[in-house]
Amino acid sequence: HTLSFVMFRSVVPRVAAFSQARAAANSRFASTLVFVDHNNGVMNPAVKNTVTAASKIGGDVTAFVVGDEAVAQQAASLQGVSKVLVAPGDFAGLLPESVAPAILKAQAAHSFTHILSPASAAGKNVLPRVAAKLDVAMVSEITAVEGEDTFERPIYAGNAIARVKSTDNVKVITVRGTSFDEAADGNSAPTESMEAAEAQTLSTFKGQELTKSDRPALSDASIVVSGGRALKSEENFELIYSLADAMGAGVGASRAAVDAGYVPNDMQVGQTGKIVAPDLYLAIGISGAIQHLAGMKDAKTIVCINKDPEAPIFQVSDYGLEADLFKAVPEMTEKLAK
């Protein structure tokens, strides 16, 4: 018995040490390509969070920029980026028919083990096409990295977290930016140009209509004020705008408010809208449906105003005010304006 006990104590540390050494060796061979989403020469801030996720995987991180040298310099400044790869050409609108072949060309040349993108509109548009062309599974909107092949992602509108293990040689992944810290600036990674991919004729970018606003962008705002169906009309939604302006906040809305036509759908927060994680989230006249909570429950502080004490929003709020919004909101706006 004594002999077997000694052997057990001596073998376990060796097994553990071997596993750790193998994991470290594998991470040295890992290499990640991060697709840099951008618009009009400005890098999507979620790229910084995606670089952090890529760094957690281990190995070298290469930022991939299509068609914009100015964005390449922004990506090169991010801590954790080893190199920036630039694909020349016309990539207006970041059409997947144009961007996917460029990513595949980079993949053929460098054999990356992971291809990541922010879970932005462009990322969700491009990476599924890349995954299909590589004949691998798509891993969507990860919120944590447990290893090179194991990740966490929300399911059932965020009510459960799935641990996903990918056995594909190349992991194609979109990253939920609100779940990772931003990579710091201060780096000066080298930039390298690659040969242009063959031009495609499947689709053509004709133009885009952008909504201009002096308010912070909903996805980037540190304070978000959202209104729900209880506002009853588009005109009454001015209460939300006034309060948001007094606080320097971005403006969001529930799906019910969007479906009722109070606001455009690009203001929707929730499972089928934008995912936000501000420092402060004010939910005004919002009941707290599951699909809405999926889009804002990562906020650091949640405050709600609702006259129904049984509304589910109170269960997830740090602070709740049981009151008529038509009285409470003007009072708050008046006091903040002073």
Protein backbone atom coordinates (compact mmCIF):
# COMPACT_ATOMS: atom_id res chain seq x y z
CA HIS A 1 0.00 0.00 0.00
CA THR A 2 2.81 2.36 0.79
CA LEU A 3 4.42 1.78 -2.59
CA SER A 4 1.23 2.45 -4.56
CA PHE A 5 0.61 5.65 -2.58
CA VAL A 6 4.10 6.97 -3.38
CA MET A 7 3.71 6.11 -7.04
CA PHE A 8 0.35 7.89 -7.13
CA ARG A 9 1.85 11.05 -5.66
CA SER A 10 4.77 11.01 -8.08
CA VAL A 11 2.78 10.25 -11.23
CA VAL A 12 0.03 12.87 -10.85
CA PRO A 13 2.37 15.88 -10.83
CA ARG A 14 4.15 14.47 -13.86
CA VAL A 15 0.87 14.06 -15.73
CA ALA A 16 -0.19 17.57 -14.80
CA ALA A 17 3.19 18.96 -15.81
CA PHE A 18 3.00 17.11 -19.12
CA SER A 19 -0.49 18.50 -19.82
CA GLN A 20 0.66 22.02 -19.02
CA ALA A 21 3.73 21.63 -21.22
CA ARG A 22 1.62 20.28 -24.09
CA ALA A 23 -0.84 23.18 -23.77
CA ALA A 24 2.03 25.66 -23.78
CA ALA A 25 3.56 23.99 -26.83
CA ASN A 26 0.25 24.07 -28.68
CA SER A 27 -0.23 27.78 -27.92
CA ARG A 28 3.14 28.50 -29.51
CA PHE A 29 1.79 27.06 -32.74
CA ALA A 30 -1.51 28.95 -32.55
CA SER A 31 -1.91 31.94 -34.84
CA THR A 32 -4.95 34.16 -35.15
CA LEU A 33 -6.17 36.43 -37.91
CA VAL A 34 -8.42 39.27 -36.68
CA PHE A 35 -10.62 40.88 -39.33
CA VAL A 36 -10.56 44.64 -38.74
CA ASP A 37 -14.05 46.01 -39.32
CA HIS A 38 -14.01 49.68 -40.30
CA ASN A 39 -16.12 52.39 -41.87
CA ASN A 40 -14.99 55.58 -43.59
CA GLY A 41 -11.45 55.29 -42.31
CA VAL A 42 -12.47 54.64 -38.69
CA MET A 43 -11.85 51.29 -37.04
CA ASN A 44 -14.79 49.70 -35.25
CA PRO A 45 -14.03 50.01 -31.49
CA ALA A 46 -15.08 46.36 -31.04
CA VAL A 47 -11.87 45.34 -32.85
CA LYS A 48 -9.99 46.23 -29.66
CA ASN A 49 -12.09 43.74 -27.68
CA THR A 50 -11.59 41.13 -30.38
CA VAL A 51 -7.81 41.52 -30.18
CA THR A 52 -8.06 40.86 -26.43
CA ALA A 53 -10.02 37.67 -27.12
CA ALA A 54 -7.41 36.63 -29.70
CA SER A 55 -4.62 37.23 -27.19
CA LYS A 56 -6.33 34.89 -24.73
CA ILE A 57 -6.15 32.11 -27.32
CA GLY A 58 -2.37 32.49 -27.43
CA GLY A 59 0.17 32.67 -30.23
CA ASP A 60 0.67 35.48 -32.72
CA VAL A 61 -2.19 37.83 -33.56
CA THR A 62 -2.34 39.29 -37.08
CA ALA A 63 -4.75 42.14 -37.79
CA PHE A 64 -6.26 41.95 -41.28
CA VAL A 65 -7.26 45.23 -42.94
CA VAL A 66 -8.89 45.51 -46.34
CA GLY A 67 -8.36 48.57 -48.50
CA ASP A 68 -7.54 51.31 -45.97
CA GLU A 69 -3.99 52.23 -44.92
CA ALA A 70 -5.24 54.68 -42.26
CA VAL A 71 -7.13 51.88 -40.51
CA ALA A 72 -4.02 49.70 -40.75
CA GLN A 73 -2.13 52.24 -38.64
CA GLN A 74 -4.92 52.25 -36.07
CA ALA A 75 -4.78 48.45 -35.86
CA ALA A 76 -0.97 48.47 -35.62
CA SER A 77 -1.19 50.57 -32.45
CA LEU A 78 -3.11 47.89 -30.50
CA GLN A 79 -1.24 45.97 -27.83
CA GLY A 80 -1.21 42.26 -28.63
CA VAL A 81 -1.06 42.67 -32.41
CA SER A 82 2.09 41.08 -33.85
CA LYS A 83 1.59 42.20 -37.44
CA VAL A 84 -0.90 43.97 -39.67
CA LEU A 85 -1.73 42.43 -43.03
CA VAL A 86 -3.22 44.81 -45.60
CA ALA A 87 -5.18 43.65 -48.65
CA PRO A 88 -5.24 46.35 -51.36
CA GLY A 89 -8.29 46.90 -53.50
CA ASP A 90 -11.80 48.29 -53.53
CA PHE A 91 -13.72 46.98 -50.54
CA ALA A 92 -16.43 49.62 -50.32
CA GLY A 93 -19.23 48.49 -48.06
CA LEU A 94 -17.17 45.50 -46.86
CA LEU A 95 -19.21 43.19 -49.06
CA PRO A 96 -18.70 39.54 -48.08
CA GLU A 97 -18.28 38.63 -51.76
CA SER A 98 -15.21 40.90 -51.80
CA VAL A 99 -13.81 40.49 -48.29
CA ALA A 100 -14.16 36.70 -47.90
CA PRO A 101 -11.86 35.89 -50.87
CA ALA A 102 -9.22 38.24 -49.43
CA ILE A 103 -9.39 36.49 -46.04
CA LEU A 104 -9.20 33.09 -47.74
CA LYS A 105 -6.15 34.24 -49.70
CA ALA A 106 -4.45 35.29 -46.46
CA GLN A 107 -5.44 31.99 -44.87
CA ALA A 108 -3.95 30.01 -47.78
CA ALA A 109 -0.67 31.91 -47.45
CA HIS A 110 -0.30 31.84 -43.65
CA SER A 111 -2.36 28.86 -42.38
CA PHE A 112 -3.89 30.58 -39.37
CA THR A 113 -5.42 28.33 -36.72
CA HIS A 114 -8.10 30.89 -35.79
CA ILE A 115 -9.97 33.58 -37.72
CA LEU A 116 -11.78 36.11 -35.53
CA SER A 117 -14.01 39.12 -36.09
CA PRO A 118 -16.15 41.39 -33.95
CA ALA A 119 -19.78 40.27 -33.89
CA SER A 120 -20.67 43.41 -35.84
CA ALA A 121 -22.89 43.62 -38.91
CA ALA A 122 -19.82 43.28 -41.15
CA GLY A 123 -18.34 40.43 -39.11
CA LYS A 124 -21.61 38.49 -39.08
CA ASN A 125 -21.84 39.05 -42.83
CA VAL A 126 -18.31 38.01 -43.78
CA LEU A 127 -17.22 35.20 -41.47
CA PRO A 128 -20.04 32.71 -42.15
CA ARG A 129 -19.04 32.87 -45.83
CA VAL A 130 -15.41 32.26 -44.86
CA ALA A 131 -16.43 29.29 -42.69
CA ALA A 132 -18.49 27.81 -45.51
CA LYS A 133 -15.65 28.15 -47.98
CA LEU A 134 -13.26 26.46 -45.52
CA ASP A 135 -15.89 23.79 -44.77
CA VAL A 136 -15.67 24.35 -41.01
CA ALA A 137 -18.21 25.11 -38.32
CA MET A 138 -18.96 28.71 -37.38
CA VAL A 139 -18.66 29.62 -33.69
CA SER A 140 -20.77 32.73 -33.08
CA GLU A 141 -20.58 35.48 -30.46
CA ILE A 142 -18.22 33.96 -27.93
CA THR A 143 -18.14 35.58 -24.49
CA ALA A 144 -15.15 33.72 -23.00
CA VAL A 145 -12.06 31.81 -24.11
CA GLU A 146 -11.27 28.66 -22.12
CA GLY A 147 -8.58 27.36 -24.46
CA GLU A 148 -7.55 27.15 -28.08
CA ASP A 149 -10.55 25.01 -28.98
CA THR A 150 -13.04 25.70 -26.17
CA PHE A 151 -15.23 28.78 -25.85
CA GLU A 152 -18.36 30.02 -24.13
CA ARG A 153 -21.32 31.57 -25.93
CA PRO A 154 -24.83 32.54 -24.80
CA ILE A 155 -27.89 30.57 -25.90
CA TYR A 156 -31.63 30.87 -25.21
CA ALA A 157 -31.47 34.68 -25.29
CA GLY A 158 -28.63 34.68 -22.79
CA ASN A 159 -30.42 32.53 -20.21
CA ALA A 160 -27.84 29.76 -20.55
CA ILE A 161 -24.17 29.65 -21.43
CA ALA A 162 -22.96 26.89 -23.75
CA ARG A 163 -19.39 25.62 -23.65
CA VAL A 164 -18.42 24.88 -27.24
CA LYS A 165 -15.43 22.79 -28.29
CA SER A 166 -14.40 22.97 -31.95
CA THR A 167 -12.45 20.12 -33.51
CA ASP A 168 -11.92 21.89 -36.85
CA ASN A 169 -8.38 22.65 -37.94
CA VAL A 170 -9.38 26.28 -38.42
CA LYS A 171 -11.68 27.95 -35.90
CA VAL A 172 -13.84 30.72 -37.39
CA ILE A 173 -15.27 32.86 -34.59
CA THR A 174 -17.18 36.07 -33.99
CA VAL A 175 -16.59 37.81 -30.66
CA ARG A 176 -19.12 39.65 -28.50
CA GLY A 177 -17.09 42.74 -27.70
CA THR A 178 -18.91 43.64 -24.50
CA SER A 179 -17.51 40.49 -22.85
CA PHE A 180 -13.84 41.39 -23.27
CA ASP A 181 -11.72 44.36 -22.24
CA GLU A 182 -10.38 46.71 -24.89
CA ALA A 183 -6.80 46.19 -26.02
CA ALA A 184 -4.64 49.16 -25.04
CA ASP A 185 -2.92 51.45 -27.52
CA GLY A 186 0.81 52.12 -27.68
CA ASN A 187 1.99 49.34 -29.96
CA SER A 188 3.75 49.78 -33.31
CA ALA A 189 3.28 46.46 -35.10
CA PRO A 190 4.83 46.12 -38.57
CA THR A 191 2.57 46.38 -41.60
CA GLU A 192 2.74 44.05 -44.59
CA SER A 193 0.85 44.22 -47.89
CA MET A 194 -0.40 41.12 -49.65
CA GLU A 195 -1.28 40.56 -53.27
CA ALA A 196 -4.73 41.73 -54.26
CA ALA A 197 -7.42 39.09 -54.51
CA GLU A 198 -9.18 38.60 -57.81
CA ALA A 199 -12.00 41.11 -58.27
CA GLN A 200 -15.50 39.67 -57.91
CA THR A 201 -18.57 40.50 -59.98
CA LEU A 202 -21.27 38.89 -57.84
CA SER A 203 -22.31 42.10 -56.12
CA THR A 204 -21.67 45.84 -56.28
CA PHE A 205 -21.77 48.43 -53.52
CA LYS A 206 -24.07 51.29 -54.56
CA GLY A 207 -24.07 53.46 -51.44
CA GLN A 208 -25.39 53.80 -47.92
CA GLU A 209 -27.56 56.22 -45.98
CA LEU A 210 -26.19 57.00 -42.54
CA THR A 211 -28.16 58.48 -39.67
CA LYS A 212 -26.29 61.47 -38.27
CA SER A 213 -26.64 62.37 -34.62
CA ASP A 214 -24.82 64.46 -32.05
CA ARG A 215 -25.57 61.82 -29.43
CA PRO A 216 -23.06 59.06 -28.66
CA ALA A 217 -23.40 55.94 -30.78
CA LEU A 218 -25.59 53.39 -29.04
CA SER A 219 -22.97 50.63 -29.08
CA ASP A 220 -20.20 52.87 -27.67
CA ALA A 221 -22.09 55.09 -25.21
CA SER A 222 -21.12 54.90 -21.53
CA ILE A 223 -24.71 55.86 -20.64
CA VAL A 224 -27.76 54.54 -22.49
CA VAL A 225 -31.35 55.68 -22.00
CA SER A 226 -33.93 53.33 -23.52
CA GLY A 227 -37.69 53.70 -23.86
CA GLY A 228 -40.41 51.12 -24.27
CA ARG A 229 -43.97 50.73 -25.46
CA ALA A 230 -45.28 52.51 -22.38
CA LEU A 231 -44.32 55.82 -24.01
CA LYS A 232 -47.37 55.26 -26.25
CA SER A 233 -46.28 57.35 -29.26
CA GLU A 234 -43.41 58.64 -31.35
CA GLU A 235 -44.08 62.16 -30.02
CA ASN A 236 -43.78 61.02 -26.42
CA PHE A 237 -40.39 59.49 -27.18
CA GLU A 238 -39.09 63.07 -27.09
CA LEU A 239 -39.06 62.61 -23.31
CA ILE A 240 -36.33 60.00 -23.76
CA TYR A 241 -34.36 62.18 -26.17
CA SER A 242 -34.46 65.14 -23.78
CA LEU A 243 -33.31 63.08 -20.82
CA ALA A 244 -30.54 61.47 -22.88
CA ASP A 245 -29.31 64.87 -24.06
CA ALA A 246 -29.23 66.13 -20.47
CA MET A 247 -27.08 63.12 -19.52
CA GLY A 248 -24.92 62.97 -22.63
CA ALA A 249 -26.30 59.50 -23.30
CA GLY A 250 -27.05 57.30 -26.27
CA VAL A 251 -30.68 56.39 -26.97
CA GLY A 252 -32.09 52.90 -27.31
CA ALA A 253 -35.50 51.26 -27.42
CA SER A 254 -37.25 47.98 -26.79
CA ARG A 255 -38.47 45.81 -29.64
CA ALA A 256 -42.06 46.70 -28.75
CA ALA A 257 -41.29 50.41 -29.23
CA VAL A 258 -39.62 49.71 -32.57
CA ASP A 259 -42.47 47.48 -33.78
CA ALA A 260 -44.95 50.18 -32.78
CA GLY A 261 -43.11 52.65 -35.02
CA TYR A 262 -41.95 55.01 -32.28
CA VAL A 263 -38.29 54.82 -33.36
CA PRO A 264 -36.25 53.28 -36.22
CA ASN A 265 -35.05 49.71 -35.82
CA ASP A 266 -31.36 50.67 -35.56
CA MET A 267 -32.16 51.86 -32.02
CA GLN A 268 -33.40 48.47 -30.86
CA VAL A 269 -31.57 46.90 -27.92
CA GLY A 270 -31.94 43.16 -27.44
CA GLN A 271 -31.37 39.73 -28.86
CA THR A 272 -32.43 40.82 -32.35
CA GLY A 273 -30.99 44.32 -31.98
CA LYS A 274 -27.82 45.79 -30.52
CA ILE A 275 -25.92 44.32 -27.59
CA VAL A 276 -24.78 47.06 -25.20
CA ALA A 277 -22.82 47.09 -21.95
CA PRO A 278 -22.65 50.71 -20.77
CA ASP A 279 -21.66 51.92 -17.32
CA LEU A 280 -25.27 53.03 -16.77
CA TYR A 281 -28.42 51.74 -18.47
CA LEU A 282 -31.80 53.43 -17.88
CA ALA A 283 -34.83 51.36 -18.88
CA ILE A 284 -37.89 53.59 -18.99
CA GLY A 285 -41.32 52.09 -19.59
CA ILE A 286 -39.75 48.74 -20.49
CA SER A 287 -41.28 45.60 -19.00
CA GLY A 288 -38.12 43.48 -19.25
CA ALA A 289 -38.85 40.79 -21.84
CA ILE A 290 -36.20 38.09 -22.12
CA GLN A 291 -35.11 39.17 -25.58
CA HIS A 292 -34.51 42.75 -24.36
CA LEU A 293 -32.56 41.64 -21.29
CA ALA A 294 -30.23 39.66 -23.58
CA GLY A 295 -29.07 42.95 -25.07
CA MET A 296 -28.38 44.97 -21.91
CA LYS A 297 -27.91 42.73 -18.88
CA ASP A 298 -24.11 43.15 -19.00
CA ALA A 299 -24.46 46.86 -18.14
CA LYS A 300 -22.55 47.75 -14.98
CA THR A 301 -25.53 49.52 -13.40
CA ILE A 302 -29.17 49.12 -14.46
CA VAL A 303 -31.87 51.58 -13.43
CA CYS A 304 -35.53 51.22 -14.34
CA ILE A 305 -38.65 53.36 -14.16
CA ASN A 306 -41.95 51.51 -14.39
CA LYS A 307 -45.34 51.93 -12.75
CA ASP A 308 -45.93 48.15 -12.66
CA PRO A 309 -44.18 46.72 -9.57
CA GLU A 310 -44.47 43.21 -11.03
CA ALA A 311 -42.54 44.09 -14.21
CA PRO A 312 -39.62 41.64 -14.74
CA ILE A 313 -37.22 44.56 -15.32
CA PHE A 314 -37.13 45.16 -11.55
CA GLN A 315 -35.58 41.72 -11.02
CA VAL A 316 -32.43 42.60 -12.98
CA SER A 317 -32.19 46.27 -11.99
CA ASP A 318 -29.78 47.64 -9.40
CA TYR A 319 -32.14 50.53 -8.75
CA GLY A 320 -35.83 50.73 -9.54
CA LEU A 321 -38.36 53.55 -9.38
CA GLU A 322 -42.04 52.59 -9.26
CA ALA A 323 -43.55 55.70 -10.84
CA ASP A 324 -45.38 57.13 -13.82
CA LEU A 325 -42.70 57.86 -16.42
CA PHE A 326 -44.65 60.86 -17.71
CA LYS A 327 -44.09 62.53 -14.33
CA ALA A 328 -40.71 61.11 -13.32
CA VAL A 329 -38.79 61.65 -16.57
CA PRO A 330 -39.57 65.39 -16.98
CA GLU A 331 -38.61 65.93 -13.35
CA MET A 332 -35.30 64.14 -13.85
CA THR A 333 -34.58 66.09 -17.03
CA GLU A 334 -35.33 69.38 -15.30
CA LYS A 335 -33.03 68.63 -12.36
CA LEU A 336 -30.19 67.38 -14.62
CA ALA A 337 -30.42 70.49 -16.77
CA LYS A 338 -29.78 72.77 -13.78
